[in-house]
Protein backbone atom coordinates (compact mmCIF):
# COMPACT_ATOMS: atom_id res chain seq x y z
CA UNK A 1 -63.89 59.80 -139.64
CA UNK A 2 -60.31 58.67 -140.28
CA UNK A 3 -59.36 62.03 -141.72
CA UNK A 4 -60.97 63.79 -138.78
CA UNK A 5 -58.97 61.59 -136.41
CA UNK A 6 -55.73 62.40 -138.20
CA UNK A 7 -56.54 66.11 -138.17
CA UNK A 8 -57.26 65.98 -134.44
CA UNK A 9 -53.98 64.20 -133.75
CA UNK A 10 -52.10 66.71 -135.87
CA UNK A 11 -53.86 69.61 -134.19
CA UNK A 12 -53.09 68.26 -130.72
CA UNK A 13 -49.47 67.55 -131.62
CA UNK A 14 -49.12 70.93 -133.28
CA UNK A 15 -50.41 72.65 -130.15
CA UNK A 16 -47.90 70.70 -128.05
CA UNK A 17 -45.10 71.79 -130.36
CA UNK A 18 -46.22 75.41 -130.15
CA UNK A 19 -46.31 75.24 -126.35
CA UNK A 20 -42.87 73.60 -126.22
CA UNK A 21 -41.47 76.20 -128.61
CA UNK A 22 -42.97 78.95 -126.47
CA UNK A 23 -41.38 77.41 -123.37
CA UNK A 24 -38.03 77.26 -125.17
CA UNK A 25 -38.30 80.94 -126.11
CA UNK A 26 -39.28 81.80 -122.54
CA UNK A 27 -36.30 79.82 -121.22
CA UNK A 28 -33.98 81.72 -123.57
CA UNK A 29 -35.47 85.02 -122.41
CA UNK A 30 -35.09 84.05 -118.76
CA UNK A 31 -31.52 82.90 -119.35
CA UNK A 32 -30.71 86.19 -121.06
CA UNK A 33 -32.25 88.16 -118.22
CA UNK A 34 -30.34 86.08 -115.67
CA UNK A 35 -27.08 86.70 -117.51
CA UNK A 36 -27.84 90.41 -117.83
CA UNK A 37 -28.69 90.62 -114.12
CA UNK A 38 -25.52 88.74 -113.22
CA UNK A 39 -23.42 91.06 -115.38
CA UNK A 40 -25.07 94.11 -113.83
CA UNK A 41 -24.53 92.78 -110.32
CA UNK A 42 -20.92 91.91 -111.09
CA UNK A 43 -20.29 95.35 -112.59
CA UNK A 44 -21.80 97.00 -109.51
CA UNK A 45 -19.73 94.82 -107.18
CA UNK A 46 -16.55 95.56 -109.14
CA UNK A 47 -17.35 99.28 -108.94
CA UNK A 48 -17.65 98.94 -105.16
CA UNK A 49 -14.29 97.14 -105.09
CA UNK A 50 -12.72 99.98 -107.08
CA UNK A 51 -14.17 102.52 -104.65
CA UNK A 52 -12.88 100.52 -101.68
CA UNK A 53 -9.42 100.27 -103.28
CA UNK A 54 -9.37 103.99 -104.02
CA UNK A 55 -10.39 104.80 -100.45
CA UNK A 56 -7.70 102.45 -99.11
CA UNK A 57 -5.04 103.98 -101.37
CA UNK A 58 -5.91 107.51 -100.24
CA UNK A 59 -5.77 106.50 -96.59
CA UNK A 60 -2.45 104.70 -97.15
CA UNK A 61 -0.94 107.81 -98.79
CA UNK A 62 -2.12 109.98 -95.91
CA UNK A 63 -0.57 107.73 -93.29
CA UNK A 64 2.63 107.11 -95.24
CA UNK A 65 3.33 110.79 -95.90
CA UNK A 66 2.51 111.67 -92.31
CA UNK A 67 4.70 109.07 -90.64
CA UNK A 68 7.49 108.70 -93.21
CA UNK A 69 7.55 112.37 -94.17
CA UNK A 70 6.66 114.39 -91.09
CA UNK A 71 7.82 112.03 -88.31
CA UNK A 72 10.54 110.26 -90.23
CA UNK A 73 12.54 111.94 -92.98
CA UNK A 74 11.79 115.51 -91.80
CA UNK A 75 12.89 114.81 -88.21
CA UNK A 76 16.00 112.90 -89.30
CA UNK A 77 17.19 115.52 -91.84
CA UNK A 78 16.54 118.35 -89.36
CA UNK A 79 18.60 116.58 -86.69
CA UNK A 80 21.37 115.93 -89.22
CA UNK A 81 21.40 119.59 -90.39
CA UNK A 82 21.47 120.88 -86.80
CA UNK A 83 24.30 118.54 -85.85
CA UNK A 84 26.43 119.44 -88.87
CA UNK A 85 25.80 123.16 -88.29
CA UNK A 86 26.84 122.83 -84.65
CA UNK A 87 29.80 120.45 -84.95
CA UNK A 88 30.87 121.17 -88.50
CA UNK A 89 31.13 117.43 -89.26
CA UNK A 90 28.96 114.44 -89.97
CA UNK A 91 27.78 112.96 -86.65
CA UNK A 92 27.88 109.39 -85.44
CA UNK A 93 24.54 107.56 -85.44
CA UNK A 94 24.24 107.96 -81.66
CA UNK A 95 24.84 111.70 -81.89
CA UNK A 96 22.25 112.00 -84.66
CA UNK A 97 19.65 110.15 -82.57
CA UNK A 98 20.36 112.50 -79.64
CA UNK A 99 19.78 115.54 -81.88
CA UNK A 100 16.26 114.37 -82.82
CA UNK A 101 13.38 115.31 -80.49
CA UNK A 102 12.56 112.47 -78.08
CA UNK A 103 9.05 111.89 -79.41
CA UNK A 104 10.49 111.40 -82.94
CA UNK A 105 13.77 109.71 -82.03
CA UNK A 106 12.80 106.53 -83.87
CA UNK A 107 13.37 108.47 -87.10
CA UNK A 108 17.04 107.56 -86.69
CA UNK A 109 16.04 104.00 -87.71
CA UNK A 110 15.51 105.30 -91.25
CA UNK A 111 19.04 106.71 -91.55
CA UNK A 112 21.76 104.69 -93.21
CA UNK A 113 24.99 106.37 -94.28
CA UNK A 114 25.30 110.21 -94.19
CA UNK A 115 26.99 112.71 -96.48
CA UNK A 116 27.57 116.44 -97.01
CA UNK A 117 28.39 118.37 -100.15
CA UNK A 118 30.27 121.68 -99.96
CA UNK A 119 32.85 123.77 -101.73
CA UNK A 120 32.82 125.24 -105.17
CA UNK A 121 33.65 121.89 -106.73
CA UNK A 122 30.74 120.11 -104.99
CA UNK A 123 32.99 117.83 -102.97
CA UNK A 124 31.12 114.97 -101.28
CA UNK A 125 32.04 113.84 -97.80
CA UNK A 126 30.42 110.55 -96.71
CA UNK A 127 30.17 108.55 -93.52
CA UNK A 128 29.23 104.86 -93.29
CA UNK A 129 28.34 104.66 -96.99
CA UNK A 130 29.82 104.37 -100.44
CA UNK A 131 28.96 107.24 -102.75
CA UNK A 132 27.22 106.27 -106.02
CA UNK A 133 28.70 107.67 -109.20
CA UNK A 134 25.57 109.65 -110.20
CA UNK A 135 24.77 111.12 -106.79
CA UNK A 136 26.81 114.32 -107.20
CA UNK A 137 25.37 115.05 -110.64
CA UNK A 138 21.80 114.62 -109.39
CA UNK A 139 22.45 116.76 -106.32
CA UNK A 140 23.61 119.60 -108.54
CA UNK A 141 20.24 119.65 -110.28
CA UNK A 142 18.15 119.82 -107.08
CA UNK A 143 16.01 122.99 -106.71
CA UNK A 144 16.60 123.40 -102.94
CA UNK A 145 15.24 126.21 -100.81
CA UNK A 146 17.52 128.80 -99.31
CA UNK A 147 19.77 127.55 -96.59
CA UNK A 148 19.11 128.45 -92.98
CA UNK A 149 15.33 127.99 -93.02
CA UNK A 150 13.77 127.05 -89.70
CA UNK A 151 12.42 123.81 -91.10
CA UNK A 152 14.63 122.69 -93.98
CA UNK A 153 12.72 121.24 -96.92
CA UNK A 154 14.09 117.88 -97.94
CA UNK A 155 14.14 116.32 -101.36
CA UNK A 156 14.44 112.68 -102.43
CA UNK A 157 17.10 111.52 -104.84
CA UNK A 158 16.88 108.02 -106.28
CA UNK A 159 19.96 106.44 -107.79
CA UNK A 160 20.10 103.18 -109.71
CA UNK A 161 23.33 101.65 -108.48
CA UNK A 162 23.93 98.67 -110.74
CA UNK A 163 20.30 97.59 -110.72
CA UNK A 164 19.91 98.24 -106.97
CA UNK A 165 17.73 101.21 -106.11
CA UNK A 166 19.14 103.60 -103.49
CA UNK A 167 17.16 106.44 -101.94
CA UNK A 168 18.77 109.58 -100.51
CA UNK A 169 17.15 112.32 -98.41
CA UNK A 170 18.76 115.73 -99.04
CA UNK A 171 18.35 119.24 -97.54
CA UNK A 172 20.27 122.50 -97.38
CA UNK A 173 22.82 122.81 -94.58
CA UNK A 174 21.98 125.35 -91.83
CA UNK A 175 24.11 128.43 -91.64
CA UNK A 176 25.70 127.84 -94.99
CA UNK A 177 25.57 131.50 -96.00
CA UNK A 178 25.67 132.28 -99.70
CA UNK A 179 27.64 129.13 -100.45
CA UNK A 180 25.59 126.13 -101.55
CA UNK A 181 25.97 123.31 -99.06
CA UNK A 182 23.93 120.11 -98.80
CA UNK A 183 23.52 117.45 -96.17
CA UNK A 184 21.69 114.18 -96.50
CA UNK A 185 21.49 110.53 -95.67
CA UNK A 186 20.69 107.28 -97.41
CA UNK A 187 17.27 106.01 -96.45
CA UNK A 188 17.22 102.39 -95.34
CA UNK A 189 14.58 100.85 -97.61
CA UNK A 190 14.09 97.88 -95.29
CA UNK A 191 13.20 100.26 -92.47
CA UNK A 192 11.00 102.29 -94.80
CA UNK A 193 9.06 99.10 -95.52
CA UNK A 194 8.89 98.24 -91.82
CA UNK A 195 7.54 101.73 -91.02
CA UNK A 196 4.93 101.44 -93.78
CA UNK A 197 3.85 98.05 -92.48
CA UNK A 198 3.70 99.27 -88.89
CA UNK A 199 2.25 102.72 -89.26
CA UNK A 200 0.38 102.71 -92.59
CA UNK A 201 -1.02 99.19 -92.33
CA UNK A 202 -1.12 98.87 -88.56
CA UNK A 203 -4.82 99.65 -88.60
CA UNK A 204 -7.35 98.71 -91.31
CA UNK A 205 -7.33 101.04 -94.27
CA UNK A 206 -11.09 100.71 -94.65
CA UNK A 207 -13.67 101.62 -91.99
CA UNK A 208 -14.68 98.76 -89.73
CA UNK A 209 -18.31 99.41 -90.63
CA UNK A 210 -17.61 98.29 -94.18
CA UNK A 211 -15.43 95.22 -93.81
CA UNK A 212 -13.77 93.14 -91.14
CA UNK A 213 -10.05 93.43 -90.58
CA UNK A 214 -9.26 89.82 -91.41
CA UNK A 215 -10.97 90.06 -94.75
CA UNK A 216 -9.11 93.26 -95.60
CA UNK A 217 -5.67 91.91 -94.72
CA UNK A 218 -6.26 88.67 -96.59
CA UNK A 219 -7.64 90.21 -99.74
CA UNK A 220 -5.80 93.51 -100.15
CA UNK A 221 -2.32 93.91 -101.61
CA UNK A 222 -0.49 97.24 -101.30
CA UNK A 223 2.61 97.84 -103.43
CA UNK A 224 4.76 101.01 -103.24
CA UNK A 225 7.04 101.78 -106.19
CA UNK A 226 9.76 104.37 -106.56
CA UNK A 227 10.07 106.94 -109.32
CA UNK A 228 11.98 104.44 -111.48
CA UNK A 229 9.47 101.62 -110.91
CA UNK A 230 11.39 99.62 -108.29
CA UNK A 231 9.24 97.96 -105.64
CA UNK A 232 10.02 99.66 -102.34
CA UNK A 233 7.35 97.91 -100.27
CA UNK A 234 4.79 95.12 -100.74
CA UNK A 235 2.28 94.02 -98.14
CA UNK A 236 2.41 90.45 -99.51
CA UNK A 237 5.95 89.87 -100.83
CA UNK A 238 6.27 87.16 -103.44
CA UNK A 239 2.54 86.96 -104.04
CA UNK A 240 1.32 87.17 -107.62
CA UNK A 241 -0.31 90.52 -107.96
CA UNK A 242 -3.91 90.95 -108.99
CA UNK A 243 -4.75 93.77 -111.33
CA UNK A 244 -4.49 97.03 -109.35
CA UNK A 245 -7.84 98.67 -108.76
CA UNK A 246 -6.41 102.01 -107.62
CA UNK A 247 -3.05 103.80 -108.14
CA UNK A 248 -2.12 107.01 -106.30
CA UNK A 249 0.88 109.39 -106.38
CA UNK A 250 2.29 109.53 -102.86
CA UNK A 251 3.60 113.07 -103.25
CA UNK A 252 0.47 114.56 -104.70
CA UNK A 253 -1.13 115.82 -101.49
CA UNK A 254 1.78 115.65 -99.07
CA UNK A 255 2.63 118.99 -97.43
CA UNK A 256 6.16 117.87 -96.73
CA UNK A 257 6.59 116.16 -100.06
CA UNK A 258 7.43 112.95 -98.23
CA UNK A 259 7.65 110.58 -101.18
CA UNK A 260 7.34 112.62 -104.38
CA UNK A 261 7.32 110.47 -107.48
CA UNK A 262 6.47 107.39 -105.45
CA UNK A 263 3.19 105.62 -106.17
CA UNK A 264 1.02 103.15 -104.32
CA UNK A 265 -1.10 100.51 -106.06
CA UNK A 266 -3.93 98.72 -104.23
CA UNK A 267 -5.34 95.45 -105.52
CA UNK A 268 -8.13 93.30 -104.11
CA UNK A 269 -8.60 89.61 -104.78
CA UNK A 270 -12.00 88.90 -106.40
CA UNK A 271 -12.20 85.73 -104.29
CA UNK A 272 -12.64 87.89 -101.18
CA UNK A 273 -15.45 89.93 -102.65
CA UNK A 274 -18.01 87.91 -100.68
CA UNK A 275 -16.50 89.32 -97.47
CA UNK A 276 -15.78 92.79 -98.81
CA UNK A 277 -18.94 93.56 -100.75
CA UNK A 278 -22.42 93.05 -99.44
CA UNK A 279 -23.78 90.19 -101.50
CA UNK A 280 -20.35 89.54 -103.02
CA UNK A 281 -19.53 89.02 -106.65
CA UNK A 282 -22.21 86.79 -108.24
CA UNK A 283 -21.10 83.36 -109.25
CA UNK A 284 -21.22 82.61 -112.93
CA UNK A 285 -24.37 80.73 -113.89
CA UNK A 286 -23.41 80.34 -117.52
CA UNK A 287 -22.90 76.59 -117.23
CA UNK A 288 -26.21 76.12 -115.44
CA UNK A 289 -28.06 78.26 -117.96
CA UNK A 290 -26.46 76.42 -120.87
CA UNK A 291 -27.45 73.12 -119.28
CA UNK A 292 -31.02 74.36 -118.77
CA UNK A 293 -31.20 75.54 -122.35
CA UNK A 294 -29.78 72.22 -123.61
CA UNK A 295 -32.36 70.34 -121.51
CA UNK A 296 -35.14 72.50 -122.93
CA UNK A 297 -33.90 71.92 -126.46
CA UNK A 298 -33.62 68.19 -125.75
CA UNK A 299 -37.20 68.10 -124.51
CA UNK A 300 -38.30 70.07 -127.55
CA UNK A 301 -36.56 67.65 -129.91
CA UNK A 302 -37.97 64.68 -128.00
CA UNK A 303 -41.45 66.17 -128.27
CA UNK A 304 -40.89 66.80 -131.97
CA UNK A 305 -39.75 63.21 -132.44
CA UNK A 306 -42.73 61.92 -130.45
CA UNK A 307 -45.08 64.13 -132.44
CA UNK A 308 -43.71 62.84 -135.73
CA UNK A 309 -43.95 59.29 -134.42
CA UNK A 310 -47.56 59.79 -133.34
CA UNK A 311 -48.30 61.38 -136.68
CA UNK A 312 -46.85 58.36 -138.49
CA UNK A 313 -48.83 56.03 -136.24
CA UNK A 314 -52.00 58.00 -136.85
CA UNK A 315 -51.47 57.82 -140.61
CA UNK A 316 -50.66 54.11 -140.32
CA UNK A 317 -53.82 53.47 -138.32
CA UNK A 318 -55.84 55.46 -140.81
CA UNK A 319 -54.33 53.42 -143.64
CA UNK A 320 -54.95 50.20 -141.70
CA UNK A 321 -58.61 51.07 -141.09
CA UNK A 322 -59.07 51.84 -144.78
CA UNK A 323 -57.39 48.59 -145.88
CA UNK A 324 -59.11 46.51 -143.21
CA UNK A 325 -62.44 47.97 -144.22
CA UNK A 326 -61.75 47.02 -147.82
CA UNK A 327 -60.63 43.51 -146.82
CA UNK A 328 -63.71 42.98 -144.67
CA UNK A 329 -66.05 44.41 -147.25
CA UNK A 330 -65.12 41.74 -149.82
CA UNK A 331 -66.29 38.64 -147.86
CA UNK A 332 -69.25 40.53 -146.42
CA UNK A 333 -70.36 41.47 -149.94
CA UNK A 334 -70.02 37.87 -151.10
CA UNK A 335 -72.01 36.63 -148.09
CA UNK A 336 -74.81 39.12 -148.78
CA UNK A 337 -74.83 38.32 -152.47
CA UNK A 338 -75.09 34.53 -152.09
CA UNK A 339 -77.47 34.84 -149.13
CA UNK A 340 -79.85 36.95 -151.26
CA UNK A 341 -79.50 34.45 -154.07
CA UNK A 342 -80.61 31.63 -151.78
CA UNK A 343 -83.34 33.67 -150.07
CA UNK A 344 -84.83 34.72 -153.39
CA UNK A 345 -84.56 31.12 -154.63
CA UNK A 346 -82.69 32.12 -157.74
CA UNK A 347 -80.80 28.83 -157.99
CA UNK A 348 -81.86 26.56 -160.81
CA UNK A 349 -80.58 23.27 -159.49
CA UNK A 350 -79.28 21.53 -156.42
CA UNK A 351 -75.80 21.82 -157.85
CA UNK A 352 -76.02 25.62 -157.97
CA UNK A 353 -77.49 25.66 -154.44
CA UNK A 354 -74.54 23.61 -153.17
CA UNK A 355 -72.09 25.88 -154.99
CA UNK A 356 -73.72 28.97 -153.41
CA UNK A 357 -73.55 27.41 -149.96
CA UNK A 358 -69.88 26.56 -150.46
CA UNK A 359 -69.22 30.16 -151.53
CA UNK A 360 -71.00 31.38 -148.38
CA UNK A 361 -68.84 29.07 -146.27
CA UNK A 362 -65.63 30.26 -147.89
CA UNK A 363 -66.58 33.92 -147.44
CA UNK A 364 -67.51 33.31 -143.80
CA UNK A 365 -64.23 31.50 -143.15
CA UNK A 366 -62.32 34.30 -144.85
CA UNK A 367 -64.20 36.86 -142.71
CA UNK A 368 -63.46 34.80 -139.61
CA UNK A 369 -59.72 34.79 -140.39
CA UNK A 370 -59.71 38.57 -140.82
CA UNK A 371 -61.67 39.12 -137.61
CA UNK A 372 -59.40 36.74 -135.71
CA UNK A 373 -56.37 38.71 -136.90
CA UNK A 374 -57.90 41.99 -135.79
CA UNK A 375 -58.91 40.57 -132.41
CA UNK A 376 -55.49 39.00 -131.86
CA UNK A 377 -53.78 42.22 -132.89
CA UNK A 378 -55.92 44.24 -130.48
CA UNK A 379 -54.65 42.07 -127.61
CA UNK A 380 -51.00 42.94 -128.29
CA UNK A 381 -49.08 44.70 -125.45
CA UNK A 382 -49.50 48.45 -125.77
CA UNK A 383 -52.83 48.24 -127.62
CA UNK A 384 -54.78 48.07 -124.39
CA UNK A 385 -54.00 48.36 -120.72
CA UNK A 386 -55.38 45.07 -119.45
CA UNK A 387 -53.30 41.90 -119.45
CA UNK A 388 -53.21 39.60 -122.47
CA UNK A 389 -55.49 36.60 -122.59
CA UNK A 390 -53.48 33.43 -121.86
CA UNK A 391 -52.76 31.23 -124.89
CA UNK A 392 -53.31 27.49 -124.34
CA UNK A 393 -49.87 25.90 -124.22
CA UNK A 394 -50.16 22.18 -124.85
CA UNK A 395 -48.55 19.32 -126.69
CA UNK A 396 -49.77 19.38 -130.30
CA UNK A 397 -49.09 17.11 -133.25
CA UNK A 398 -48.27 19.98 -135.58
CA UNK A 399 -47.89 17.72 -138.65
CA UNK A 400 -51.50 16.51 -138.41
CA UNK A 401 -52.71 19.98 -137.56
CA UNK A 402 -50.85 21.43 -140.57
CA UNK A 403 -52.75 19.03 -142.89
CA UNK A 404 -56.07 20.15 -141.39
CA UNK A 405 -55.14 23.80 -141.87
CA UNK A 406 -54.14 23.25 -145.51
CA UNK A 407 -57.46 21.51 -146.21
CA UNK A 408 -59.33 24.29 -144.45
CA UNK A 409 -57.45 26.93 -146.44
CA UNK A 410 -58.31 25.22 -149.72
CA UNK A 411 -61.99 25.26 -148.75
CA UNK A 412 -61.77 28.93 -147.81
CA UNK A 413 -59.97 30.08 -150.93
CA UNK A 414 -61.71 27.86 -153.42
CA UNK A 415 -59.47 27.93 -156.49
CA UNK A 416 -55.99 28.23 -154.99
CA UNK A 417 -52.52 27.54 -156.35
CA UNK A 418 -51.17 24.07 -155.65
CA UNK A 419 -50.06 23.60 -152.04
CA UNK A 420 -47.39 20.98 -151.42
CA UNK A 421 -47.03 19.85 -147.81
CA UNK A 422 -44.08 17.77 -146.61
CA UNK A 423 -44.34 16.95 -142.91
CA UNK A 424 -42.54 14.37 -140.82
CA UNK A 425 -44.57 12.08 -138.63
CA UNK A 426 -44.89 12.57 -134.89
CA UNK A 427 -43.62 16.17 -134.67
CA UNK A 428 -45.08 17.53 -131.47
CA UNK A 429 -44.59 21.14 -130.34
CA UNK A 430 -45.64 23.29 -127.41
CA UNK A 431 -48.24 25.64 -128.91
CA UNK A 432 -51.94 26.31 -128.72
CA UNK A 433 -53.81 24.65 -131.62
CA UNK A 434 -55.75 27.81 -132.45
CA UNK A 435 -52.56 29.85 -132.39
CA UNK A 436 -50.79 27.42 -134.77
CA UNK A 437 -53.82 27.39 -137.07
CA UNK A 438 -53.86 31.21 -137.21
CA UNK A 439 -50.08 31.34 -137.83
CA UNK A 440 -50.20 28.88 -140.74
CA UNK A 441 -53.37 30.39 -142.27
CA UNK A 442 -51.74 33.84 -142.30
CA UNK A 443 -48.55 32.48 -143.90
CA UNK A 444 -50.57 30.63 -146.55
CA UNK A 445 -52.69 33.70 -147.23
CA UNK A 446 -49.54 35.78 -147.64
CA UNK A 447 -47.91 33.20 -149.95
CA UNK A 448 -50.98 32.93 -152.22
CA UNK A 449 -51.44 36.70 -152.29
CA UNK A 450 -47.89 37.41 -153.53
CA UNK A 451 -47.01 34.15 -155.27
CA UNK A 452 -49.86 34.17 -157.76
CA UNK A 453 -50.65 30.80 -159.35
CA UNK A 454 -47.23 29.33 -158.56
CA UNK A 455 -47.16 26.36 -156.15
CA UNK A 456 -46.76 27.01 -152.42
CA UNK A 457 -44.42 24.59 -150.67
CA UNK A 458 -44.74 23.83 -146.97
CA UNK A 459 -42.19 21.82 -145.06
CA UNK A 460 -42.41 20.78 -141.42
CA UNK A 461 -39.48 19.05 -139.72
CA UNK A 462 -37.34 18.83 -136.61
CA UNK A 463 -34.17 20.92 -136.61
CA UNK A 464 -31.72 21.26 -133.69
CA UNK A 465 -34.33 20.26 -131.12
CA UNK A 466 -36.98 22.63 -132.51
CA UNK A 467 -39.96 22.26 -134.79
CA UNK A 468 -39.24 24.16 -138.02
CA UNK A 469 -42.07 25.30 -140.28
CA UNK A 470 -41.18 26.92 -143.59
CA UNK A 471 -43.50 28.27 -146.27
CA UNK A 472 -42.01 29.00 -149.71
CA UNK A 473 -43.72 31.12 -152.36
CA UNK A 474 -42.74 32.22 -155.85
CA UNK A 475 -43.39 35.91 -155.29
CA UNK A 476 -40.97 38.85 -155.62
CA UNK A 477 -39.36 38.13 -152.24
CA UNK A 478 -38.50 40.51 -149.42
CA UNK A 479 -35.51 42.89 -149.66
CA UNK A 480 -32.84 42.20 -146.98
CA UNK A 481 -33.26 45.67 -145.49
CA UNK A 482 -36.97 45.06 -144.79
CA UNK A 483 -36.82 41.52 -143.38
CA UNK A 484 -36.90 42.69 -139.79
CA UNK A 485 -39.52 45.38 -140.33
CA UNK A 486 -42.16 43.21 -142.01
CA UNK A 487 -43.07 41.78 -138.58
CA UNK A 488 -44.03 45.25 -137.34
CA UNK A 489 -47.67 46.38 -137.27
CA UNK A 490 -48.98 48.33 -140.27
CA UNK A 491 -45.74 47.88 -142.19
CA UNK A 492 -45.99 47.24 -145.93
CA UNK A 493 -43.28 47.35 -148.56
CA UNK A 494 -43.24 50.41 -150.78
CA UNK A 495 -43.82 48.28 -153.87
CA UNK A 496 -46.94 46.75 -152.27
CA UNK A 497 -48.36 50.16 -151.46
CA UNK A 498 -48.19 51.07 -155.13
CA UNK A 499 -49.59 47.70 -156.34
CA UNK A 500 -53.09 46.28 -156.44
CA UNK A 501 -52.25 43.66 -153.82
CA UNK A 502 -54.60 44.15 -150.87
CA UNK A 503 -53.76 43.60 -147.24
CA UNK A 504 -54.25 45.00 -143.75
CA UNK A 505 -50.59 45.08 -142.70
CA UNK A 506 -51.18 43.10 -139.50
CA UNK A 507 -51.08 39.48 -140.68
CA UNK A 508 -47.34 38.99 -140.26
CA UNK A 509 -47.39 41.09 -137.06
CA UNK A 510 -49.93 38.63 -135.62
CA UNK A 511 -47.70 35.71 -136.68
CA UNK A 512 -44.68 37.23 -134.99
CA UNK A 513 -46.63 38.00 -131.83
CA UNK A 514 -48.10 34.49 -131.49
CA UNK A 515 -44.82 32.73 -132.21
CA UNK A 516 -42.93 34.96 -129.78
CA UNK A 517 -45.44 34.31 -127.01
CA UNK A 518 -44.84 30.56 -127.43
CA UNK A 519 -41.07 30.93 -127.13
CA UNK A 520 -40.37 30.65 -130.86
CA UNK A 521 -38.93 32.96 -133.49
CA UNK A 522 -39.70 34.06 -137.03
CA UNK A 523 -37.52 34.89 -139.99
CA UNK A 524 -37.71 35.38 -143.75
CA UNK A 525 -35.15 34.13 -146.25
CA UNK A 526 -34.71 33.75 -149.99
CA UNK A 527 -36.48 30.68 -151.35
CA UNK A 528 -34.24 28.32 -153.39
CA UNK A 529 -36.33 28.74 -156.56
CA UNK A 530 -36.90 32.46 -156.11
CA UNK A 531 -39.43 34.21 -153.94
CA UNK A 532 -39.54 34.28 -150.15
CA UNK A 533 -39.27 31.61 -147.50
CA UNK A 534 -41.01 32.34 -144.22
CA UNK A 535 -39.60 30.32 -141.34
CA UNK A 536 -41.25 29.68 -137.98
CA UNK A 537 -39.32 27.83 -135.27
CA UNK A 538 -41.22 26.47 -132.24
CA UNK A 539 -40.04 24.52 -129.20
CA UNK A 540 -40.66 20.78 -129.31
CA UNK A 541 -42.61 19.00 -126.57
CA UNK A 542 -40.38 17.31 -123.98
CA UNK A 543 -40.05 13.53 -123.97
CA UNK A 544 -41.86 13.27 -120.62
CA UNK A 545 -44.84 15.11 -122.10
CA UNK A 546 -44.89 12.82 -125.12
CA UNK A 547 -44.98 9.74 -122.89
CA UNK A 548 -47.86 10.95 -120.73
CA UNK A 549 -50.29 12.19 -123.36
CA UNK A 550 -51.68 11.29 -126.74
CA UNK A 551 -51.15 13.43 -129.76
CA UNK A 552 -53.89 15.75 -130.81
CA UNK A 553 -55.90 14.11 -133.62
């Protein structure tokens, strides 16, 4: 039966472990799927952001080349070429503005200083500007169209003037004949940026059906760079740039070649993806998934610990039942044997009859002590759900009661080692008589079991306002590391498990439980002459209680 019980407990616990392990594996699988889904969603959202950035960059290039190229640089250089061809000299800014068609007259805002290059030596004549050192050399390398065309094609020349980028718009002079003549002006980069901001970014770069304007302006950064990498325009100056999602050449598709070599980079802040992308970028759930996995693993380890604990308890209960059965079988066998002897009238004299009756009494008392221990142990908290039976708490003359218990123990055990009792007179404690009797009987039984034929010494005295009971034996003692654990149920020392000393493993647990319920404490020490000293400390009766009642006889 005991083995079947242990197997059932193991089978139940094993099933629980399998289920918990399966739940842990399922949690890992779900976490992996969640991470994979999050990565897929994030990749899809980032792809959408790239597409939006690419669409915005293409629209920006279209607007920039149209306004800066067709309505800006082209109109300004045409007006400059016409004026120089008509007057033969570089015009004043007002004259240049008057030479530009009225609908495009704002192109004059882009013009800074003006210059012309003519003569076989490439002499440069400038107005309202200082001529950079490298400008003439770069102009000589320009592949310009033939002079006199109806719509002069302009080219851009960028010069690094001491770390400061300068941009020049150049075209062939009208009516120049076979001689190579150039006219041009320096583009005002501040006005170029203002035009880009006004005309290229004046309206949302993305369709209103996709995003709202506020979200686009807040999340999108547009940066225009020249051929040499200088920043010509930035929609958010001074802002740390996110990684560009799209980069386009601004002269790639321009008919007029408005800004050849210039590039535009469009970046979008991931923080604005919730407003730009339907559903937004998924938030990382790594921390939550790790926490869930850690919780699952914690529950699994807790279940494993509980399973091992229950397994140990099941084995301990099985061992207890086996040892208790053996302990109970001994007095029961003696009772049956002497009862049969008396029933069959096999005694030869009155002396043998009396001896048989005394043996029956000792066996019955021994059986009663074992049953009392089992019953008391079964009433411990946690062994059953109902409340404990109350223990009578009264004023008891423990010295007189200790003498009765010693005499009773001698009658139970028959031939026992010498028991020496030293008890002061009038020691009264607050404890139930039956509880004190059971405590002392268990301590005496333990001392005789492990002390052999050596004397057992009992001392009862008052110490620091408490009643102190100590029982010394001459046994092997208790190792210091086990002195707290011997009061636990089912616990036995390893050496006792391997020896022939019998025991149920609940005697000292019953002692500790009874003493604790009466407000006392238990301990074990080294006896002065070797062996173990078991100490029980109980509260003394108050003086008012001593004056109002008589001591228990």
